[in-house]
Amino acid sequence: MKTNEMRGRSAQDMNEHILELRREQFSLRMQKAQGGEAKTHDFKRVRREIARARTVLAEQSKQGGPK
């Protein structure tokens, strides 16, 4: 999801999105631990998207909510 799309979402939607990403991150770690064919680029993608979402959430809390 792009940053501009994230800025239009509510705080509750952003928290749900972060939770979904954390589940995906956990799933990727479990695949790797079990010796599965984990796509290594997905680790970086998910980690950065979580950081992006948390940054937008922090910006929204400073401004007092979504625009």
C-alpha atoms as a PDB file:
ATOM      1  CA  MET A   1       0.000   0.000   0.000  1.00  0.00           C
ATOM      2  CA  LYS A   2       1.302   3.428  -0.865  1.00  0.00           C
ATOM      3  CA  THR A   3       1.870   6.113   1.734  1.00  0.00           C
ATOM      4  CA  ASN A   4      -0.749   8.435   0.249  1.00  0.00           C
ATOM      5  CA  GLU A   5      -3.353   5.680   0.518  1.00  0.00           C
ATOM      6  CA  MET A   6      -2.394   5.146   4.158  1.00  0.00           C
ATOM      7  CA  ARG A   7      -2.847   8.806   4.998  1.00  0.00           C
ATOM      8  CA  GLY A   8      -6.513   8.621   4.007  1.00  0.00           C
ATOM      9  CA  ARG A   9      -7.292   5.791   6.423  1.00  0.00           C
ATOM     10  CA  SER A  10      -8.497   6.078  10.009  1.00  0.00           C
ATOM     11  CA  ALA A  11      -6.313   5.180  12.977  1.00  0.00           C
ATOM     12  CA  GLN A  12      -8.317   2.021  13.593  1.00  0.00           C
ATOM     13  CA  ASP A  13      -7.832   0.900   9.972  1.00  0.00           C
ATOM     14  CA  MET A  14      -4.115   1.603  10.253  1.00  0.00           C
ATOM     15  CA  ASN A  15      -3.826  -0.480  13.431  1.00  0.00           C
ATOM     16  CA  GLU A  16      -5.646  -3.356  11.719  1.00  0.00           C
ATOM     17  CA  HIS A  17      -3.309  -3.060   8.731  1.00  0.00           C
ATOM     18  CA  ILE A  18      -0.261  -3.143  11.016  1.00  0.00           C
ATOM     19  CA  LEU A  19      -1.647  -6.222  12.767  1.00  0.00           C
ATOM     20  CA  GLU A  20      -2.156  -7.936   9.403  1.00  0.00           C
ATOM     21  CA  LEU A  21       1.415  -7.103   8.404  1.00  0.00           C
ATOM     22  CA  ARG A  22       2.772  -8.437  11.702  1.00  0.00           C
ATOM     23  CA  ARG A  23       0.918 -11.708  11.073  1.00  0.00           C
ATOM     24  CA  GLU A  24       2.443 -11.880   7.601  1.00  0.00           C
ATOM     25  CA  GLN A  25       5.879 -11.225   9.089  1.00  0.00           C
ATOM     26  CA  PHE A  26       5.367 -14.020  11.621  1.00  0.00           C
ATOM     27  CA  SER A  27       4.244 -16.377   8.868  1.00  0.00           C
ATOM     28  CA  LEU A  28       7.371 -15.598   6.850  1.00  0.00           C
ATOM     29  CA  ARG A  29       9.572 -16.299   9.870  1.00  0.00           C
ATOM     30  CA  MET A  30       7.841 -19.626  10.463  1.00  0.00           C
ATOM     31  CA  GLN A  31       8.269 -20.616   6.807  1.00  0.00           C
ATOM     32  CA  LYS A  32      11.964 -19.820   7.028  1.00  0.00           C
ATOM     33  CA  ALA A  33      12.372 -21.729  10.309  1.00  0.00           C
ATOM     34  CA  GLN A  34      10.699 -24.831   8.877  1.00  0.00           C
ATOM     35  CA  GLY A  35      13.019 -24.805   5.908  1.00  0.00           C
ATOM     36  CA  GLY A  36      10.385 -23.705   3.444  1.00  0.00           C
ATOM     37  CA  GLU A  37      10.879 -21.668   0.325  1.00  0.00           C
ATOM     38  CA  ALA A  38      10.613 -18.193   1.863  1.00  0.00           C
ATOM     39  CA  LYS A  39      10.965 -15.259  -0.491  1.00  0.00           C
ATOM     40  CA  THR A  40      13.685 -13.226   1.157  1.00  0.00           C
ATOM     41  CA  HIS A  41      12.593  -9.929  -0.412  1.00  0.00           C
ATOM     42  CA  ASP A  42       9.259 -10.204   1.403  1.00  0.00           C
ATOM     43  CA  PHE A  43      10.967  -9.820   4.795  1.00  0.00           C
ATOM     44  CA  LYS A  44      12.275  -6.402   3.805  1.00  0.00           C
ATOM     45  CA  ARG A  45       9.006  -5.364   2.120  1.00  0.00           C
ATOM     46  CA  VAL A  46       6.879  -6.226   5.155  1.00  0.00           C
ATOM     47  CA  ARG A  47       9.293  -4.632   7.623  1.00  0.00           C
ATOM     48  CA  ARG A  48       9.344  -1.384   5.661  1.00  0.00           C
ATOM     49  CA  GLU A  49       5.583  -1.326   5.195  1.00  0.00           C
ATOM     50  CA  ILE A  50       5.105  -1.732   8.958  1.00  0.00           C
ATOM     51  CA  ALA A  51       7.473   1.187   9.559  1.00  0.00           C
ATOM     52  CA  ARG A  52       5.671   3.268   6.937  1.00  0.00           C
ATOM     53  CA  ALA A  53       2.285   2.544   8.527  1.00  0.00           C
ATOM     54  CA  ARG A  54       3.523   3.360  12.027  1.00  0.00           C
ATOM     55  CA  THR A  55       4.999   6.643  10.753  1.00  0.00           C
ATOM     56  CA  VAL A  56       1.693   7.659   9.163  1.00  0.00           C
ATOM     57  CA  LEU A  57      -0.123   6.698  12.368  1.00  0.00           C
ATOM     58  CA  ALA A  58       2.237   8.902  14.397  1.00  0.00           C
ATOM     59  CA  GLU A  59       1.713  11.795  11.970  1.00  0.00           C
ATOM     60  CA  GLN A  60      -2.044  11.440  12.317  1.00  0.00           C
ATOM     61  CA  SER A  61      -1.887  11.463  16.107  1.00  0.00           C
ATOM     62  CA  LYS A  62       0.172  14.663  16.042  1.00  0.00           C
ATOM     63  CA  GLN A  63      -2.308  16.350  13.692  1.00  0.00           C
ATOM     64  CA  GLY A  64      -5.372  15.075  15.507  1.00  0.00           C
ATOM     65  CA  GLY A  65      -6.677  12.498  13.042  1.00  0.00           C
ATOM     66  CA  PRO A  66      -6.911  11.769   9.315  1.00  0.00           C
ATOM     67  CA  LYS A  67      -7.568  14.589   6.871  1.00  0.00           C
END
